């Protein structure tokens, strides 16, 4: 199981419940982002996970919004 499994599950839940813009996802994942020790800005964790999930075909970006595939 990936160290991001819980994080990804929360992203899927938020996207399914209508929170599908990057900004709204970022605002709701602030506390989760703090759990990852990173020298990057905290928003980069959300950005990296969204792109990884997109490349894996689990989510899609259509008309300025994220959707679970």
PDB file of N, CA and C in Angstrom:
ATOM      1  N   UNK A   1       0.844  -1.175   0.000  1.00  0.00           N
ATOM      2  CA  UNK A   1       0.000   0.000   0.000  1.00  0.00           C
ATOM      3  C   UNK A   1       0.897   1.247   0.000  1.00  0.00           C
ATOM      4  N   UNK A   2       0.551   2.164  -0.814  1.00  0.00           N
ATOM      5  CA  UNK A   2       1.308   3.397  -0.969  1.00  0.00           C
ATOM      6  C   UNK A   2       1.142   4.298   0.256  1.00  0.00           C
ATOM      7  N   UNK A   3       2.164   5.109   0.514  1.00  0.00           N
ATOM      8  CA  UNK A   3       2.052   6.060   1.619  1.00  0.00           C
ATOM      9  C   UNK A   3       1.041   7.160   1.303  1.00  0.00           C
ATOM     10  N   UNK A   4       0.622   7.232   0.059  1.00  0.00           N
ATOM     11  CA  UNK A   4      -0.356   8.231  -0.367  1.00  0.00           C
ATOM     12  C   UNK A   4      -1.772   7.667  -0.463  1.00  0.00           C
ATOM     13  N   UNK A   5      -1.995   6.436  -0.067  1.00  0.00           N
ATOM     14  CA  UNK A   5      -3.307   5.802  -0.232  1.00  0.00           C
ATOM     15  C   UNK A   5      -4.408   6.577   0.491  1.00  0.00           C
ATOM     16  N   UNK A   6      -4.178   6.959   1.727  1.00  0.00           N
ATOM     17  CA  UNK A   6      -5.191   7.722   2.472  1.00  0.00           C
ATOM     18  C   UNK A   6      -5.407   9.099   1.851  1.00  0.00           C
ATOM     19  N   UNK A   7      -4.320   9.719   1.443  1.00  0.00           N
ATOM     20  CA  UNK A   7      -4.389  11.040   0.824  1.00  0.00           C
ATOM     21  C   UNK A   7      -5.214  10.969  -0.476  1.00  0.00           C
ATOM     22  N   UNK A   8      -4.918   9.963  -1.295  1.00  0.00           N
ATOM     23  CA  UNK A   8      -5.645   9.788  -2.554  1.00  0.00           C
ATOM     24  C   UNK A   8      -7.122   9.511  -2.304  1.00  0.00           C
ATOM     25  N   UNK A   9      -7.422   8.705  -1.292  1.00  0.00           N
ATOM     26  CA  UNK A   9      -8.819   8.399  -0.964  1.00  0.00           C
ATOM     27  C   UNK A   9      -9.570   9.678  -0.585  1.00  0.00           C
ATOM     28  N   UNK A  10      -8.925  10.554   0.157  1.00  0.00           N
ATOM     29  CA  UNK A  10      -9.562  11.826   0.525  1.00  0.00           C
ATOM     30  C   UNK A  10      -9.769  12.713  -0.698  1.00  0.00           C
ATOM     31  N   UNK A  11      -8.801  12.692  -1.613  1.00  0.00           N
ATOM     32  CA  UNK A  11      -8.969  13.460  -2.858  1.00  0.00           C
ATOM     33  C   UNK A  11     -10.151  12.928  -3.656  1.00  0.00           C
ATOM     34  N   UNK A  12     -10.264  11.596  -3.790  1.00  0.00           N
ATOM     35  CA  UNK A  12     -11.386  10.994  -4.519  1.00  0.00           C
ATOM     36  C   UNK A  12     -12.715  11.380  -3.876  1.00  0.00           C
ATOM     37  N   UNK A  13     -12.769  11.335  -2.554  1.00  0.00           N
ATOM     38  CA  UNK A  13     -14.000  11.675  -1.847  1.00  0.00           C
ATOM     39  C   UNK A  13     -14.382  13.130  -2.086  1.00  0.00           C
ATOM     40  N   UNK A  14     -13.413  14.026  -1.997  1.00  0.00           N
ATOM     41  CA  UNK A  14     -13.695  15.444  -2.230  1.00  0.00           C
ATOM     42  C   UNK A  14     -14.168  15.693  -3.662  1.00  0.00           C
ATOM     43  N   UNK A  15     -13.507  15.066  -4.621  1.00  0.00           N
ATOM     44  CA  UNK A  15     -13.872  15.251  -6.029  1.00  0.00           C
ATOM     45  C   UNK A  15     -15.274  14.709  -6.287  1.00  0.00           C
ATOM     46  N   UNK A  16     -15.591  13.523  -5.720  1.00  0.00           N
ATOM     47  CA  UNK A  16     -16.935  12.945  -5.894  1.00  0.00           C
ATOM     48  C   UNK A  16     -18.022  13.821  -5.297  1.00  0.00           C
ATOM     49  N   UNK A  17     -17.682  14.562  -4.255  1.00  0.00           N
ATOM     50  CA  UNK A  17     -18.674  15.407  -3.583  1.00  0.00           C
ATOM     51  C   UNK A  17     -18.703  16.828  -4.119  1.00  0.00           C
ATOM     52  N   UNK A  18     -18.144  17.054  -5.288  1.00  0.00           N
ATOM     53  CA  UNK A  18     -18.285  18.346  -5.952  1.00  0.00           C
ATOM     54  C   UNK A  18     -17.168  19.341  -5.726  1.00  0.00           C
ATOM     55  N   UNK A  19     -16.194  18.995  -4.948  1.00  0.00           N
ATOM     56  CA  UNK A  19     -15.046  19.881  -4.719  1.00  0.00           C
ATOM     57  C   UNK A  19     -14.018  19.532  -5.793  1.00  0.00           C
ATOM     58  N   UNK A  20     -14.140  20.161  -6.966  1.00  0.00           N
ATOM     59  CA  UNK A  20     -13.345  19.676  -8.089  1.00  0.00           C
ATOM     60  C   UNK A  20     -12.431  20.708  -8.744  1.00  0.00           C
ATOM     61  N   UNK A  21     -12.225  21.858  -8.114  1.00  0.00           N
ATOM     62  CA  UNK A  21     -11.229  22.787  -8.651  1.00  0.00           C
ATOM     63  C   UNK A  21      -9.966  22.662  -7.804  1.00  0.00           C
ATOM     64  N   UNK A  22      -8.843  23.015  -8.376  1.00  0.00           N
ATOM     65  CA  UNK A  22      -7.581  22.891  -7.650  1.00  0.00           C
ATOM     66  C   UNK A  22      -7.601  23.726  -6.379  1.00  0.00           C
ATOM     67  N   UNK A  23      -8.092  24.938  -6.467  1.00  0.00           N
ATOM     68  CA  UNK A  23      -8.112  25.828  -5.308  1.00  0.00           C
ATOM     69  C   UNK A  23      -8.968  25.261  -4.173  1.00  0.00           C
ATOM     70  N   UNK A  24     -10.145  24.765  -4.494  1.00  0.00           N
ATOM     71  CA  UNK A  24     -11.010  24.226  -3.449  1.00  0.00           C
ATOM     72  C   UNK A  24     -10.426  22.949  -2.845  1.00  0.00           C
ATOM     73  N   UNK A  25      -9.786  22.118  -3.671  1.00  0.00           N
ATOM     74  CA  UNK A  25      -9.115  20.926  -3.145  1.00  0.00           C
ATOM     75  C   UNK A  25      -7.965  21.320  -2.226  1.00  0.00           C
ATOM     76  N   UNK A  26      -7.214  22.292  -2.657  1.00  0.00           N
ATOM     77  CA  UNK A  26      -6.068  22.742  -1.872  1.00  0.00           C
ATOM     78  C   UNK A  26      -6.491  23.266  -0.506  1.00  0.00           C
ATOM     79  N   UNK A  27      -7.560  24.039  -0.454  1.00  0.00           N
ATOM     80  CA  UNK A  27      -8.039  24.582   0.819  1.00  0.00           C
ATOM     81  C   UNK A  27      -8.470  23.486   1.790  1.00  0.00           C
ATOM     82  N   UNK A  28      -9.027  22.405   1.264  1.00  0.00           N
ATOM     83  CA  UNK A  28      -9.502  21.335   2.122  1.00  0.00           C
ATOM     84  C   UNK A  28      -8.415  20.333   2.500  1.00  0.00           C
ATOM     85  N   UNK A  29      -7.283  20.362   1.801  1.00  0.00           N
ATOM     86  CA  UNK A  29      -6.208  19.399   2.066  1.00  0.00           C
ATOM     87  C   UNK A  29      -5.029  20.029   2.807  1.00  0.00           C
ATOM     88  N   UNK A  30      -5.184  21.220   3.349  1.00  0.00           N
ATOM     89  CA  UNK A  30      -4.084  21.915   4.016  1.00  0.00           C
ATOM     90  C   UNK A  30      -3.505  21.082   5.155  1.00  0.00           C
ATOM     91  N   UNK A  31      -4.360  20.552   6.004  1.00  0.00           N
ATOM     92  CA  UNK A  31      -3.880  19.762   7.147  1.00  0.00           C
ATOM     93  C   UNK A  31      -3.202  18.482   6.692  1.00  0.00           C
ATOM     94  N   UNK A  32      -3.723  17.866   5.646  1.00  0.00           N
ATOM     95  CA  UNK A  32      -3.114  16.641   5.120  1.00  0.00           C
ATOM     96  C   UNK A  32      -1.733  16.935   4.537  1.00  0.00           C
ATOM     97  N   UNK A  33      -1.586  18.082   3.907  1.00  0.00           N
ATOM     98  CA  UNK A  33      -0.308  18.451   3.298  1.00  0.00           C
ATOM     99  C   UNK A  33       0.778  18.630   4.343  1.00  0.00           C
ATOM    100  N   UNK A  34       0.408  19.054   5.545  1.00  0.00           N
ATOM    101  CA  UNK A  34       1.384  19.269   6.607  1.00  0.00           C
ATOM    102  C   UNK A  34       1.998  17.964   7.099  1.00  0.00           C
ATOM    103  N   UNK A  35       1.343  16.836   6.854  1.00  0.00           N
ATOM    104  CA  UNK A  35       1.847  15.533   7.306  1.00  0.00           C
ATOM    105  C   UNK A  35       3.081  15.089   6.522  1.00  0.00           C
ATOM    106  N   UNK A  36       3.264  15.638   5.339  1.00  0.00           N
ATOM    107  CA  UNK A  36       4.385  15.246   4.494  1.00  0.00           C
ATOM    108  C   UNK A  36       5.527  16.230   4.700  1.00  0.00           C
ATOM    109  N   UNK A  37       6.647  15.717   5.169  1.00  0.00           N
ATOM    110  CA  UNK A  37       7.825  16.566   5.344  1.00  0.00           C
ATOM    111  C   UNK A  37       8.429  16.829   3.979  1.00  0.00           C
ATOM    112  N   UNK A  38       8.297  18.038   3.545  1.00  0.00           N
ATOM    113  CA  UNK A  38       8.776  18.401   2.218  1.00  0.00           C
ATOM    114  C   UNK A  38       9.377  19.796   2.270  1.00  0.00           C
ATOM    115  N   UNK A  39      10.408  19.985   1.482  1.00  0.00           N
ATOM    116  CA  UNK A  39      11.000  21.312   1.401  1.00  0.00           C
ATOM    117  C   UNK A  39      10.224  22.189   0.423  1.00  0.00           C
ATOM    118  N   UNK A  40       9.352  21.579  -0.376  1.00  0.00           N
ATOM    119  CA  UNK A  40       8.521  22.321  -1.322  1.00  0.00           C
ATOM    120  C   UNK A  40       7.367  23.001  -0.588  1.00  0.00           C
ATOM    121  N   UNK A  41       6.711  23.895  -1.280  1.00  0.00           N
ATOM    122  CA  UNK A  41       5.507  24.520  -0.740  1.00  0.00           C
ATOM    123  C   UNK A  41       4.436  23.445  -0.559  1.00  0.00           C
ATOM    124  N   UNK A  42       3.559  23.628   0.416  1.00  0.00           N
ATOM    125  CA  UNK A  42       2.578  22.591   0.744  1.00  0.00           C
ATOM    126  C   UNK A  42       1.611  22.296  -0.409  1.00  0.00           C
ATOM    127  N   UNK A  43       1.349  23.256  -1.268  1.00  0.00           N
ATOM    128  CA  UNK A  43       0.431  23.024  -2.382  1.00  0.00           C
ATOM    129  C   UNK A  43       1.003  22.050  -3.400  1.00  0.00           C
ATOM    130  N   UNK A  44       2.315  21.869  -3.392  1.00  0.00           N
ATOM    131  CA  UNK A  44       2.947  20.959  -4.353  1.00  0.00           C
ATOM    132  C   UNK A  44       2.555  19.508  -4.116  1.00  0.00           C
ATOM    133  N   UNK A  45       2.255  19.148  -2.864  1.00  0.00           N
ATOM    134  CA  UNK A  45       1.832  17.775  -2.573  1.00  0.00           C
ATOM    135  C   UNK A  45       0.520  17.487  -3.301  1.00  0.00           C
ATOM    136  N   UNK A  46      -0.435  18.392  -3.191  1.00  0.00           N
ATOM    137  CA  UNK A  46      -1.715  18.226  -3.874  1.00  0.00           C
ATOM    138  C   UNK A  46      -1.517  18.191  -5.379  1.00  0.00           C
ATOM    139  N   UNK A  47      -0.706  19.076  -5.898  1.00  0.00           N
ATOM    140  CA  UNK A  47      -0.444  19.130  -7.334  1.00  0.00           C
ATOM    141  C   UNK A  47       0.178  17.825  -7.825  1.00  0.00           C
ATOM    142  N   UNK A  48       1.174  17.325  -7.120  1.00  0.00           N
ATOM    143  CA  UNK A  48       1.834  16.084  -7.536  1.00  0.00           C
ATOM    144  C   UNK A  48       0.880  14.906  -7.505  1.00  0.00           C
ATOM    145  N   UNK A  49       0.044  14.814  -6.476  1.00  0.00           N
ATOM    146  CA  UNK A  49      -0.893  13.686  -6.383  1.00  0.00           C
ATOM    147  C   UNK A  49      -1.955  13.765  -7.472  1.00  0.00           C
ATOM    148  N   UNK A  50      -2.476  14.958  -7.755  1.00  0.00           N
ATOM    149  CA  UNK A  50      -3.459  15.086  -8.836  1.00  0.00           C
ATOM    150  C   UNK A  50      -2.860  14.659 -10.166  1.00  0.00           C
ATOM    151  N   UNK A  51      -1.634  15.061 -10.431  1.00  0.00           N
ATOM    152  CA  UNK A  51      -1.003  14.689 -11.705  1.00  0.00           C
ATOM    153  C   UNK A  51      -0.694  13.200 -11.765  1.00  0.00           C
ATOM    154  N   UNK A  52      -0.285  12.609 -10.642  1.00  0.00           N
ATOM    155  CA  UNK A  52      -0.020  11.167 -10.616  1.00  0.00           C
ATOM    156  C   UNK A  52      -1.304  10.380 -10.846  1.00  0.00           C
ATOM    157  N   UNK A  53      -2.391  10.810 -10.230  1.00  0.00           N
ATOM    158  CA  UNK A  53      -3.675  10.132 -10.426  1.00  0.00           C
ATOM    159  C   UNK A  53      -4.186  10.318 -11.848  1.00  0.00           C
ATOM    160  N   UNK A  54      -3.941  11.492 -12.422  1.00  0.00           N
ATOM    161  CA  UNK A  54      -4.351  11.742 -13.811  1.00  0.00           C
ATOM    162  C   UNK A  54      -3.581  10.833 -14.753  1.00  0.00           C
ATOM    163  N   UNK A  55      -2.274  10.720 -14.552  1.00  0.00           N
ATOM    164  CA  UNK A  55      -1.452   9.870 -15.416  1.00  0.00           C
ATOM    165  C   UNK A  55      -1.813   8.400 -15.278  1.00  0.00           C
ATOM    166  N   UNK A  56      -2.288   8.001 -14.098  1.00  0.00           N
ATOM    167  CA  UNK A  56      -2.706   6.618 -13.874  1.00  0.00           C
ATOM    168  C   UNK A  56      -4.104   6.341 -14.426  1.00  0.00           C
ATOM    169  N   UNK A  57      -4.791   7.388 -14.881  1.00  0.00           N
ATOM    170  CA  UNK A  57      -6.120   7.236 -15.464  1.00  0.00           C
ATOM    171  C   UNK A  57      -7.238   7.148 -14.440  1.00  0.00           C
ATOM    172  N   UNK A  58      -6.980   7.521 -13.203  1.00  0.00           N
ATOM    173  CA  UNK A  58      -7.992   7.434 -12.152  1.00  0.00           C
ATOM    174  C   UNK A  58      -8.855   8.681 -12.063  1.00  0.00           C
ATOM    175  N   UNK A  59      -8.344   9.820 -12.509  1.00  0.00           N
ATOM    176  CA  UNK A  59      -9.121  11.052 -12.567  1.00  0.00           C
ATOM    177  C   UNK A  59      -8.869  11.724 -13.909  1.00  0.00           C
ATOM    178  N   UNK A  60      -9.780  12.592 -14.299  1.00  0.00           N
ATOM    179  CA  UNK A  60      -9.636  13.351 -15.549  1.00  0.00           C
ATOM    180  C   UNK A  60      -9.926  14.818 -15.269  1.00  0.00           C
ATOM    181  N   UNK A  61      -9.363  15.678 -16.085  1.00  0.00           N
ATOM    182  CA  UNK A  61      -9.578  17.117 -15.984  1.00  0.00           C
ATOM    183  C   UNK A  61     -10.322  17.562 -17.232  1.00  0.00           C
ATOM    184  N   UNK A  62     -11.591  17.966 -17.048  1.00  0.00           N
ATOM    185  CA  UNK A  62     -12.444  18.348 -18.162  1.00  0.00           C
ATOM    186  C   UNK A  62     -13.127  19.666 -17.831  1.00  0.00           C
ATOM    187  N   UNK A  63     -13.008  20.620 -18.738  1.00  0.00           N
ATOM    188  CA  UNK A  63     -13.678  21.913 -18.591  1.00  0.00           C
ATOM    189  C   UNK A  63     -13.412  22.567 -17.243  1.00  0.00           C
ATOM    190  N   UNK A  64     -12.146  22.674 -16.896  1.00  0.00           N
ATOM    191  CA  UNK A  64     -11.696  23.366 -15.694  1.00  0.00           C
ATOM    192  C   UNK A  64     -12.097  22.691 -14.391  1.00  0.00           C
ATOM    193  N   UNK A  65     -12.334  21.371 -14.397  1.00  0.00           N
ATOM    194  CA  UNK A  65     -12.705  20.666 -13.168  1.00  0.00           C
ATOM    195  C   UNK A  65     -12.191  19.229 -13.202  1.00  0.00           C
ATOM    196  N   UNK A  66     -11.900  18.670 -12.025  1.00  0.00           N
ATOM    197  CA  UNK A  66     -11.461  17.290 -11.891  1.00  0.00           C
ATOM    198  C   UNK A  66     -12.661  16.386 -11.699  1.00  0.00           C
ATOM    199  N   UNK A  67     -12.591  15.183 -12.275  1.00  0.00           N
ATOM    200  CA  UNK A  67     -13.637  14.172 -12.124  1.00  0.00           C
ATOM    201  C   UNK A  67     -12.979  12.809 -11.959  1.00  0.00           C
ATOM    202  N   UNK A  68     -13.596  11.956 -11.141  1.00  0.00           N
ATOM    203  CA  UNK A  68     -13.115  10.581 -10.997  1.00  0.00           C
ATOM    204  C   UNK A  68     -13.486   9.835 -12.260  1.00  0.00           C
ATOM    205  N   UNK A  69     -12.513   9.137 -12.828  1.00  0.00           N
ATOM    206  CA  UNK A  69     -12.733   8.420 -14.097  1.00  0.00           C
ATOM    207  C   UNK A  69     -13.529   7.147 -13.886  1.00  0.00           C
TER     208      UNK A  69
END
